[in-house]
Amino acid sequence: MLEDDGPGIVPEYLSTLGTAYARRDPSGDRQAGGAGLGLAIVRAPAEAMGGSVSFRSEPGRGLHAHVFLLSAGDSSEWARLGR
Protein backbone atom coordinates (compact mmCIF):
# COMPACT_ATOMS: atom_id res chain seq x y z
CA MET A 1 0.00 0.00 0.00
CA LEU A 2 1.31 3.42 -0.97
CA GLU A 3 -0.32 6.56 0.37
CA ASP A 4 0.13 10.28 -0.01
CA ASP A 5 -1.45 13.30 1.61
CA GLY A 6 -2.01 15.30 -1.58
CA PRO A 7 -5.23 16.82 -2.87
CA GLY A 8 -6.77 13.46 -3.78
CA ILE A 9 -8.68 12.47 -6.90
CA VAL A 10 -12.34 13.13 -7.57
CA PRO A 11 -14.29 9.87 -8.06
CA GLU A 12 -15.03 10.37 -11.76
CA TYR A 13 -11.28 10.37 -12.57
CA LEU A 14 -10.26 7.35 -10.47
CA SER A 15 -10.96 4.94 -13.33
CA THR A 16 -8.42 6.76 -15.56
CA LEU A 17 -5.51 6.38 -13.13
CA GLY A 18 -2.81 4.07 -14.40
CA THR A 19 -3.45 4.93 -18.05
CA ALA A 20 -0.83 6.95 -19.89
CA TYR A 21 -1.25 10.72 -19.62
CA ALA A 22 -4.10 10.50 -17.09
CA ARG A 23 -3.96 13.50 -14.77
CA ARG A 24 -5.79 14.69 -11.70
CA ASP A 25 -6.75 17.80 -13.67
CA PRO A 26 -7.71 16.63 -17.17
CA SER A 27 -7.87 20.22 -18.45
CA GLY A 28 -4.17 19.97 -19.28
CA ASP A 29 -3.17 22.70 -16.82
CA ARG A 30 0.44 21.87 -15.93
CA GLN A 31 0.53 23.95 -12.72
CA ALA A 32 0.11 20.78 -10.65
CA GLY A 33 3.08 19.26 -12.48
CA GLY A 34 3.59 15.83 -13.94
CA ALA A 35 2.81 14.37 -17.33
CA GLY A 36 0.46 11.64 -16.14
CA LEU A 37 2.89 8.79 -16.76
CA GLY A 38 3.97 7.74 -13.26
CA LEU A 39 1.07 5.46 -12.38
CA ALA A 40 1.02 3.97 -15.90
CA ILE A 41 4.70 3.10 -15.45
CA VAL A 42 3.77 1.30 -12.21
CA ARG A 43 0.68 -0.47 -13.59
CA ALA A 44 2.09 -1.82 -16.88
CA PRO A 45 4.88 -4.02 -15.49
CA ALA A 46 2.79 -5.11 -12.50
CA GLU A 47 0.04 -6.40 -14.81
CA ALA A 48 2.57 -7.90 -17.26
CA MET A 49 3.85 -10.04 -14.38
CA GLY A 50 0.37 -11.14 -13.29
CA GLY A 51 -0.07 -8.53 -10.57
CA SER A 52 -2.43 -5.60 -10.24
CA VAL A 53 -2.66 -2.00 -9.08
CA SER A 54 -5.78 -0.46 -7.59
CA PHE A 55 -6.53 3.03 -6.30
CA ARG A 56 -8.85 4.73 -3.85
CA SER A 57 -9.04 8.38 -2.99
CA GLU A 58 -11.18 11.13 -1.57
CA PRO A 59 -10.77 14.77 -2.58
CA GLY A 60 -8.63 16.51 0.04
CA ARG A 61 -7.48 13.24 1.64
CA GLY A 62 -4.77 11.93 -0.67
CA LEU A 63 -4.43 8.86 -2.84
CA HIS A 64 -4.01 5.25 -1.72
CA ALA A 65 -2.49 2.80 -4.20
CA HIS A 66 -2.38 -0.94 -3.60
CA VAL A 67 0.22 -2.82 -5.65
CA PHE A 68 -0.08 -6.62 -5.73
CA LEU A 69 2.84 -8.62 -7.15
CA LEU A 70 3.26 -12.37 -7.37
CA SER A 71 6.00 -14.00 -5.38
CA ALA A 72 8.72 -15.59 -7.51
CA GLY A 73 8.03 -18.80 -5.60
CA ASP A 74 4.30 -18.90 -6.41
CA SER A 75 4.70 -21.56 -9.11
CA SER A 76 0.98 -22.41 -9.35
CA GLU A 77 0.09 -18.84 -10.26
CA TRP A 78 3.00 -18.52 -12.69
CA ALA A 79 1.87 -21.75 -14.36
CA ARG A 80 -1.65 -20.37 -14.70
CA LEU A 81 -0.19 -17.33 -16.45
CA GLY A 82 1.81 -19.54 -18.82
CA ARG A 83 5.19 -18.39 -17.58
PDB file of N, CA and C in Angstrom:
ATOM      1  N   MET A   1       0.854  -1.174   0.000  1.00  0.00           N
ATOM      2  CA  MET A   1       0.000   0.000   0.000  1.00  0.00           C
ATOM      3  C   MET A   1       0.893   1.229   0.000  1.00  0.00           C
ATOM      4  N   LEU A   2       0.625   2.126  -0.892  1.00  0.00           N
ATOM      5  CA  LEU A   2       1.306   3.416  -0.965  1.00  0.00           C
ATOM      6  C   LEU A   2       0.266   4.491  -0.717  1.00  0.00           C
ATOM      7  N   GLU A   3       0.618   5.490   0.056  1.00  0.00           N
ATOM      8  CA  GLU A   3      -0.324   6.565   0.373  1.00  0.00           C
ATOM      9  C   GLU A   3       0.374   7.909   0.255  1.00  0.00           C
ATOM     10  N   ASP A   4      -0.397   8.925  -0.083  1.00  0.00           N
ATOM     11  CA  ASP A   4       0.126  10.283  -0.014  1.00  0.00           C
ATOM     12  C   ASP A   4      -0.908  11.166   0.668  1.00  0.00           C
ATOM     13  N   ASP A   5      -0.522  12.383   0.956  1.00  0.00           N
ATOM     14  CA  ASP A   5      -1.452  13.304   1.613  1.00  0.00           C
ATOM     15  C   ASP A   5      -1.747  14.499   0.707  1.00  0.00           C
ATOM     16  N   GLY A   6      -1.740  14.249  -0.597  1.00  0.00           N
ATOM     17  CA  GLY A   6      -2.008  15.297  -1.578  1.00  0.00           C
ATOM     18  C   GLY A   6      -3.481  15.654  -1.658  1.00  0.00           C
ATOM     19  N   PRO A   7      -3.863  16.333  -2.730  1.00  0.00           N
ATOM     20  CA  PRO A   7      -5.233  16.819  -2.868  1.00  0.00           C
ATOM     21  C   PRO A   7      -6.261  15.733  -3.162  1.00  0.00           C
ATOM     22  N   GLY A   8      -5.821  14.524  -3.477  1.00  0.00           N
ATOM     23  CA  GLY A   8      -6.766  13.456  -3.776  1.00  0.00           C
ATOM     24  C   GLY A   8      -7.288  13.543  -5.202  1.00  0.00           C
ATOM     25  N   ILE A   9      -8.121  12.576  -5.552  1.00  0.00           N
ATOM     26  CA  ILE A   9      -8.676  12.469  -6.897  1.00  0.00           C
ATOM     27  C   ILE A   9     -10.191  12.417  -6.776  1.00  0.00           C
ATOM     28  N   VAL A  10     -10.880  13.185  -7.593  1.00  0.00           N
ATOM     29  CA  VAL A  10     -12.342  13.128  -7.575  1.00  0.00           C
ATOM     30  C   VAL A  10     -12.782  11.788  -8.161  1.00  0.00           C
ATOM     31  N   PRO A  11     -13.882  11.220  -7.663  1.00  0.00           N
ATOM     32  CA  PRO A  11     -14.291   9.867  -8.055  1.00  0.00           C
ATOM     33  C   PRO A  11     -14.390   9.629  -9.564  1.00  0.00           C
ATOM     34  N   GLU A  12     -14.857  10.601 -10.320  1.00  0.00           N
ATOM     35  CA  GLU A  12     -15.032  10.370 -11.760  1.00  0.00           C
ATOM     36  C   GLU A  12     -13.713  10.202 -12.518  1.00  0.00           C
ATOM     37  N   TYR A  13     -12.576  10.541 -11.912  1.00  0.00           N
ATOM     38  CA  TYR A  13     -11.284  10.375 -12.572  1.00  0.00           C
ATOM     39  C   TYR A  13     -10.504   9.173 -12.057  1.00  0.00           C
ATOM     40  N   LEU A  14     -10.980   8.510 -11.014  1.00  0.00           N
ATOM     41  CA  LEU A  14     -10.255   7.353 -10.469  1.00  0.00           C
ATOM     42  C   LEU A  14     -10.063   6.253 -11.507  1.00  0.00           C
ATOM     43  N   SER A  15     -11.056   6.028 -12.353  1.00  0.00           N
ATOM     44  CA  SER A  15     -10.955   4.944 -13.335  1.00  0.00           C
ATOM     45  C   SER A  15      -9.893   5.212 -14.394  1.00  0.00           C
ATOM     46  N   THR A  16      -9.446   6.457 -14.550  1.00  0.00           N
ATOM     47  CA  THR A  16      -8.424   6.764 -15.556  1.00  0.00           C
ATOM     48  C   THR A  16      -7.010   6.610 -15.012  1.00  0.00           C
ATOM     49  N   LEU A  17      -6.850   6.494 -13.711  1.00  0.00           N
ATOM     50  CA  LEU A  17      -5.508   6.375 -13.134  1.00  0.00           C
ATOM     51  C   LEU A  17      -4.828   5.110 -13.638  1.00  0.00           C
ATOM     52  N   GLY A  18      -3.560   5.213 -13.905  1.00  0.00           N
ATOM     53  CA  GLY A  18      -2.814   4.070 -14.405  1.00  0.00           C
ATOM     54  C   GLY A  18      -2.801   3.979 -15.916  1.00  0.00           C
ATOM     55  N   THR A  19      -3.523   4.864 -16.595  1.00  0.00           N
ATOM     56  CA  THR A  19      -3.449   4.929 -18.049  1.00  0.00           C
ATOM     57  C   THR A  19      -2.525   6.089 -18.414  1.00  0.00           C
ATOM     58  N   ALA A  20      -1.802   5.932 -19.498  1.00  0.00           N
ATOM     59  CA  ALA A  20      -0.826   6.951 -19.892  1.00  0.00           C
ATOM     60  C   ALA A  20      -1.482   8.310 -20.075  1.00  0.00           C
ATOM     61  N   TYR A  21      -0.863   9.308 -19.535  1.00  0.00           N
ATOM     62  CA  TYR A  21      -1.247  10.719 -19.617  1.00  0.00           C
ATOM     63  C   TYR A  21      -2.513  11.065 -18.836  1.00  0.00           C
ATOM     64  N   ALA A  22      -2.966  10.172 -17.964  1.00  0.00           N
ATOM     65  CA  ALA A  22      -4.103  10.498 -17.089  1.00  0.00           C
ATOM     66  C   ALA A  22      -3.603  11.453 -16.016  1.00  0.00           C
ATOM     67  N   ARG A  23      -4.373  12.498 -15.761  1.00  0.00           N
ATOM     68  CA  ARG A  23      -3.960  13.496 -14.774  1.00  0.00           C
ATOM     69  C   ARG A  23      -5.120  13.831 -13.863  1.00  0.00           C
ATOM     70  N   ARG A  24      -4.770  14.284 -12.672  1.00  0.00           N
ATOM     71  CA  ARG A  24      -5.788  14.693 -11.698  1.00  0.00           C
ATOM     72  C   ARG A  24      -6.648  15.802 -12.270  1.00  0.00           C
ATOM     73  N   ASP A  25      -6.034  16.701 -13.030  1.00  0.00           N
ATOM     74  CA  ASP A  25      -6.754  17.800 -13.671  1.00  0.00           C
ATOM     75  C   ASP A  25      -6.704  17.566 -15.175  1.00  0.00           C
ATOM     76  N   PRO A  26      -7.751  16.971 -15.755  1.00  0.00           N
ATOM     77  CA  PRO A  26      -7.710  16.628 -17.175  1.00  0.00           C
ATOM     78  C   PRO A  26      -7.750  17.831 -18.115  1.00  0.00           C
ATOM     79  N   SER A  27      -7.835  19.039 -17.587  1.00  0.00           N
ATOM     80  CA  SER A  27      -7.871  20.224 -18.445  1.00  0.00           C
ATOM     81  C   SER A  27      -6.540  20.444 -19.151  1.00  0.00           C
ATOM     82  N   GLY A  28      -5.486  19.783 -18.682  1.00  0.00           N
ATOM     83  CA  GLY A  28      -4.172  19.966 -19.279  1.00  0.00           C
ATOM     84  C   GLY A  28      -3.350  21.042 -18.596  1.00  0.00           C
ATOM     85  N   ASP A  29      -3.905  21.680 -17.571  1.00  0.00           N
ATOM     86  CA  ASP A  29      -3.173  22.700 -16.822  1.00  0.00           C
ATOM     87  C   ASP A  29      -1.980  22.044 -16.144  1.00  0.00           C
ATOM     88  N   ARG A  30      -0.775  22.498 -16.454  1.00  0.00           N
ATOM     89  CA  ARG A  30       0.436  21.873 -15.931  1.00  0.00           C
ATOM     90  C   ARG A  30       0.889  22.467 -14.610  1.00  0.00           C
ATOM     91  N   GLN A  31       0.105  23.356 -13.989  1.00  0.00           N
ATOM     92  CA  GLN A  31       0.528  23.945 -12.716  1.00  0.00           C
ATOM     93  C   GLN A  31       0.758  22.886 -11.652  1.00  0.00           C
ATOM     94  N   ALA A  32      -0.039  21.839 -11.653  1.00  0.00           N
ATOM     95  CA  ALA A  32       0.107  20.782 -10.653  1.00  0.00           C
ATOM     96  C   ALA A  32       1.332  19.919 -10.937  1.00  0.00           C
ATOM     97  N   GLY A  33       1.900  20.027 -12.127  1.00  0.00           N
ATOM     98  CA  GLY A  33       3.084  19.259 -12.483  1.00  0.00           C
ATOM     99  C   GLY A  33       2.752  17.858 -12.953  1.00  0.00           C
ATOM    100  N   GLY A  34       3.747  17.198 -13.492  1.00  0.00           N
ATOM    101  CA  GLY A  34       3.590  15.825 -13.944  1.00  0.00           C
ATOM    102  C   GLY A  34       2.980  15.724 -15.327  1.00  0.00           C
ATOM    103  N   ALA A  35       3.318  14.621 -15.989  1.00  0.00           N
ATOM    104  CA  ALA A  35       2.810  14.374 -17.334  1.00  0.00           C
ATOM    105  C   ALA A  35       1.721  13.318 -17.339  1.00  0.00           C
ATOM    106  N   GLY A  36       1.470  12.693 -16.191  1.00  0.00           N
ATOM    107  CA  GLY A  36       0.462  11.644 -16.139  1.00  0.00           C
ATOM    108  C   GLY A  36       1.001  10.281 -16.529  1.00  0.00           C
ATOM    109  N   LEU A  37       2.291  10.073 -16.378  1.00  0.00           N
ATOM    110  CA  LEU A  37       2.889   8.793 -16.756  1.00  0.00           C
ATOM    111  C   LEU A  37       3.272   7.917 -15.570  1.00  0.00           C
ATOM    112  N   GLY A  38       3.458   8.489 -14.403  1.00  0.00           N
ATOM    113  CA  GLY A  38       3.972   7.743 -13.260  1.00  0.00           C
ATOM    114  C   GLY A  38       3.183   6.497 -12.905  1.00  0.00           C
ATOM    115  N   LEU A  39       1.877   6.615 -12.773  1.00  0.00           N
ATOM    116  CA  LEU A  39       1.071   5.457 -12.379  1.00  0.00           C
ATOM    117  C   LEU A  39       0.947   4.448 -13.512  1.00  0.00           C
ATOM    118  N   ALA A  40       1.016   4.900 -14.762  1.00  0.00           N
ATOM    119  CA  ALA A  40       1.021   3.973 -15.896  1.00  0.00           C
ATOM    120  C   ALA A  40       2.311   3.156 -15.897  1.00  0.00           C
ATOM    121  N   ILE A  41       3.415   3.794 -15.518  1.00  0.00           N
ATOM    122  CA  ILE A  41       4.700   3.096 -15.446  1.00  0.00           C
ATOM    123  C   ILE A  41       4.685   2.056 -14.327  1.00  0.00           C
ATOM    124  N   VAL A  42       3.927   2.277 -13.289  1.00  0.00           N
ATOM    125  CA  VAL A  42       3.767   1.298 -12.209  1.00  0.00           C
ATOM    126  C   VAL A  42       2.839   0.171 -12.655  1.00  0.00           C
ATOM    127  N   ARG A  43       1.705   0.524 -13.251  1.00  0.00           N
ATOM    128  CA  ARG A  43       0.679  -0.470 -13.590  1.00  0.00           C
ATOM    129  C   ARG A  43       1.133  -1.442 -14.681  1.00  0.00           C
ATOM    130  N   ALA A  44       1.754  -0.959 -15.745  1.00  0.00           N
ATOM    131  CA  ALA A  44       2.090  -1.825 -16.883  1.00  0.00           C
ATOM    132  C   ALA A  44       2.956  -3.023 -16.495  1.00  0.00           C
ATOM    133  N   PRO A  45       4.088  -2.835 -15.831  1.00  0.00           N
ATOM    134  CA  PRO A  45       4.884  -4.022 -15.487  1.00  0.00           C
ATOM    135  C   PRO A  45       4.216  -4.900 -14.431  1.00  0.00           C
ATOM    136  N   ALA A  46       3.482  -4.305 -13.512  1.00  0.00           N
ATOM    137  CA  ALA A  46       2.787  -5.115 -12.499  1.00  0.00           C
ATOM    138  C   ALA A  46       1.812  -6.068 -13.178  1.00  0.00           C
ATOM    139  N   GLU A  47       1.014  -5.553 -14.117  1.00  0.00           N
ATOM    140  CA  GLU A  47       0.043  -6.400 -14.811  1.00  0.00           C
ATOM    141  C   GLU A  47       0.728  -7.389 -15.748  1.00  0.00           C
ATOM    142  N   ALA A  48       1.836  -6.989 -16.371  1.00  0.00           N
ATOM    143  CA  ALA A  48       2.567  -7.897 -17.261  1.00  0.00           C
ATOM    144  C   ALA A  48       3.101  -9.106 -16.505  1.00  0.00           C
ATOM    145  N   MET A  49       3.343  -8.943 -15.205  1.00  0.00           N
ATOM    146  CA  MET A  49       3.853 -10.042 -14.384  1.00  0.00           C
ATOM    147  C   MET A  49       2.746 -10.717 -13.580  1.00  0.00           C
ATOM    148  N   GLY A  50       1.484 -10.473 -13.953  1.00  0.00           N
ATOM    149  CA  GLY A  50       0.374 -11.140 -13.293  1.00  0.00           C
ATOM    150  C   GLY A  50      -0.131 -10.454 -12.050  1.00  0.00           C
ATOM    151  N   GLY A  51       0.367  -9.273 -11.748  1.00  0.00           N
ATOM    152  CA  GLY A  51      -0.069  -8.527 -10.569  1.00  0.00           C
ATOM    153  C   GLY A  51      -1.161  -7.532 -10.916  1.00  0.00           C
ATOM    154  N   SER A  52      -1.402  -6.614 -10.002  1.00  0.00           N
ATOM    155  CA  SER A  52      -2.432  -5.604 -10.235  1.00  0.00           C
ATOM    156  C   SER A  52      -2.125  -4.356  -9.416  1.00  0.00           C
ATOM    157  N   VAL A  53      -2.753  -3.269  -9.806  1.00  0.00           N
ATOM    158  CA  VAL A  53      -2.656  -2.005  -9.085  1.00  0.00           C
ATOM    159  C   VAL A  53      -4.070  -1.461  -8.970  1.00  0.00           C
ATOM    160  N   SER A  54      -4.461  -1.063  -7.774  1.00  0.00           N
ATOM    161  CA  SER A  54      -5.783  -0.458  -7.586  1.00  0.00           C
ATOM    162  C   SER A  54      -5.620   0.830  -6.786  1.00  0.00           C
ATOM    163  N   PHE A  55      -6.604   1.714  -6.923  1.00  0.00           N
ATOM    164  CA  PHE A  55      -6.529   3.030  -6.305  1.00  0.00           C
ATOM    165  C   PHE A  55      -7.814   3.350  -5.573  1.00  0.00           C
ATOM    166  N   ARG A  56      -7.678   4.126  -4.501  1.00  0.00           N
ATOM    167  CA  ARG A  56      -8.846   4.728  -3.854  1.00  0.00           C
ATOM    168  C   ARG A  56      -8.422   6.104  -3.370  1.00  0.00           C
ATOM    169  N   SER A  57      -9.369   7.010  -3.348  1.00  0.00           N
ATOM    170  CA  SER A  57      -9.044   8.381  -2.991  1.00  0.00           C
ATOM    171  C   SER A  57     -10.310   9.130  -2.633  1.00  0.00           C
ATOM    172  N   GLU A  58     -10.126  10.169  -1.863  1.00  0.00           N
ATOM    173  CA  GLU A  58     -11.182  11.130  -1.573  1.00  0.00           C
ATOM    174  C   GLU A  58     -10.576  12.508  -1.769  1.00  0.00           C
ATOM    175  N   PRO A  59     -11.301  13.414  -2.416  1.00  0.00           N
ATOM    176  CA  PRO A  59     -10.767  14.767  -2.577  1.00  0.00           C
ATOM    177  C   PRO A  59     -10.349  15.349  -1.224  1.00  0.00           C
ATOM    178  N   GLY A  60      -9.151  15.907  -1.184  1.00  0.00           N
ATOM    179  CA  GLY A  60      -8.629  16.507   0.036  1.00  0.00           C
ATOM    180  C   GLY A  60      -8.004  15.537   1.016  1.00  0.00           C
ATOM    181  N   ARG A  61      -8.001  14.230   0.695  1.00  0.00           N
ATOM    182  CA  ARG A  61      -7.478  13.237   1.641  1.00  0.00           C
ATOM    183  C   ARG A  61      -6.384  12.358   1.057  1.00  0.00           C
ATOM    184  N   GLY A  62      -5.875  12.687  -0.099  1.00  0.00           N
ATOM    185  CA  GLY A  62      -4.771  11.927  -0.669  1.00  0.00           C
ATOM    186  C   GLY A  62      -5.210  10.733  -1.494  1.00  0.00           C
ATOM    187  N   LEU A  63      -4.220  10.026  -1.996  1.00  0.00           N
ATOM    188  CA  LEU A  63      -4.426   8.860  -2.845  1.00  0.00           C
ATOM    189  C   LEU A  63      -3.818   7.645  -2.156  1.00  0.00           C
ATOM    190  N   HIS A  64      -4.498   6.520  -2.247  1.00  0.00           N
ATOM    191  CA  HIS A  64      -4.013   5.249  -1.719  1.00  0.00           C
ATOM    192  C   HIS A  64      -3.890   4.299  -2.911  1.00  0.00           C
ATOM    193  N   ALA A  65      -2.717   3.753  -3.116  1.00  0.00           N
ATOM    194  CA  ALA A  65      -2.490   2.800  -4.200  1.00  0.00           C
ATOM    195  C   ALA A  65      -2.081   1.464  -3.594  1.00  0.00           C
ATOM    196  N   HIS A  66      -2.706   0.408  -4.060  1.00  0.00           N
ATOM    197  CA  HIS A  66      -2.379  -0.936  -3.603  1.00  0.00           C
ATOM    198  C   HIS A  66      -1.748  -1.671  -4.776  1.00  0.00           C
ATOM    199  N   VAL A  67      -0.511  -2.100  -4.608  1.00  0.00           N
ATOM    200  CA  VAL A  67       0.218  -2.815  -5.649  1.00  0.00           C
ATOM    201  C   VAL A  67       0.350  -4.268  -5.207  1.00  0.00           C
ATOM    202  N   PHE A  68      -0.157  -5.187  -6.020  1.00  0.00           N
ATOM    203  CA  PHE A  68      -0.080  -6.616  -5.733  1.00  0.00           C
ATOM    204  C   PHE A  68       0.855  -7.248  -6.752  1.00  0.00           C
ATOM    205  N   LEU A  69       1.899  -7.923  -6.275  1.00  0.00           N
ATOM    206  CA  LEU A  69       2.844  -8.621  -7.147  1.00  0.00           C
ATOM    207  C   LEU A  69       2.940 -10.076  -6.714  1.00  0.00           C
ATOM    208  N   LEU A  70       3.098 -10.952  -7.686  1.00  0.00           N
ATOM    209  CA  LEU A  70       3.258 -12.367  -7.372  1.00  0.00           C
ATOM    210  C   LEU A  70       4.647 -12.627  -6.810  1.00  0.00           C
ATOM    211  N   SER A  71       4.719 -13.553  -5.903  1.00  0.00           N
ATOM    212  CA  SER A  71       6.002 -14.005  -5.381  1.00  0.00           C
ATOM    213  C   SER A  71       6.682 -14.860  -6.443  1.00  0.00           C
ATOM    214  N   ALA A  72       7.981 -14.763  -6.551  1.00  0.00           N
ATOM    215  CA  ALA A  72       8.721 -15.586  -7.514  1.00  0.00           C
ATOM    216  C   ALA A  72       8.521 -17.068  -7.224  1.00  0.00           C
ATOM    217  N   GLY A  73       8.222 -17.413  -5.978  1.00  0.00           N
ATOM    218  CA  GLY A  73       8.035 -18.802  -5.601  1.00  0.00           C
ATOM    219  C   GLY A  73       6.617 -19.314  -5.766  1.00  0.00           C
ATOM    220  N   ASP A  74       5.705 -18.502  -6.259  1.00  0.00           N
ATOM    221  CA  ASP A  74       4.302 -18.901  -6.408  1.00  0.00           C
ATOM    222  C   ASP A  74       4.123 -19.618  -7.745  1.00  0.00           C
ATOM    223  N   SER A  75       4.654 -20.840  -7.844  1.00  0.00           N
ATOM    224  CA  SER A  75       4.699 -21.558  -9.114  1.00  0.00           C
ATOM    225  C   SER A  75       3.317 -21.869  -9.674  1.00  0.00           C
ATOM    226  N   SER A  76       2.316 -22.098  -8.825  1.00  0.00           N
ATOM    227  CA  SER A  76       0.984 -22.406  -9.346  1.00  0.00           C
ATOM    228  C   SER A  76       0.397 -21.211 -10.089  1.00  0.00           C
ATOM    229  N   GLU A  77       0.603 -20.034  -9.589  1.00  0.00           N
ATOM    230  CA  GLU A  77       0.086 -18.837 -10.256  1.00  0.00           C
ATOM    231  C   GLU A  77       0.874 -18.548 -11.528  1.00  0.00           C
ATOM    232  N   TRP A  78       2.192 -18.733 -11.486  1.00  0.00           N
ATOM    233  CA  TRP A  78       2.998 -18.521 -12.691  1.00  0.00           C
ATOM    234  C   TRP A  78       2.596 -19.517 -13.772  1.00  0.00           C
ATOM    235  N   ALA A  79       2.305 -20.750 -13.385  1.00  0.00           N
ATOM    236  CA  ALA A  79       1.874 -21.752 -14.361  1.00  0.00           C
ATOM    237  C   ALA A  79       0.544 -21.347 -14.989  1.00  0.00           C
ATOM    238  N   ARG A  80      -0.361 -20.813 -14.179  1.00  0.00           N
ATOM    239  CA  ARG A  80      -1.654 -20.373 -14.698  1.00  0.00           C
ATOM    240  C   ARG A  80      -1.466 -19.271 -15.737  1.00  0.00           C
ATOM    241  N   LEU A  81      -0.463 -18.427 -15.531  1.00  0.00           N
ATOM    242  CA  LEU A  81      -0.195 -17.327 -16.454  1.00  0.00           C
ATOM    243  C   LEU A  81       0.613 -17.772 -17.675  1.00  0.00           C
ATOM    244  N   GLY A  82       1.043 -19.035 -17.697  1.00  0.00           N
ATOM    245  CA  GLY A  82       1.813 -19.540 -18.821  1.00  0.00           C
ATOM    246  C   GLY A  82       3.251 -19.073 -18.833  1.00  0.00           C
ATOM    247  N   ARG A  83       3.795 -18.873 -17.653  1.00  0.00           N
ATOM    248  CA  ARG A  83       5.188 -18.388 -17.577  1.00  0.00           C
ATOM    249  C   ARG A  83       6.071 -19.421 -16.917  1.00  0.00           C
TER     250      ARG A  83
END
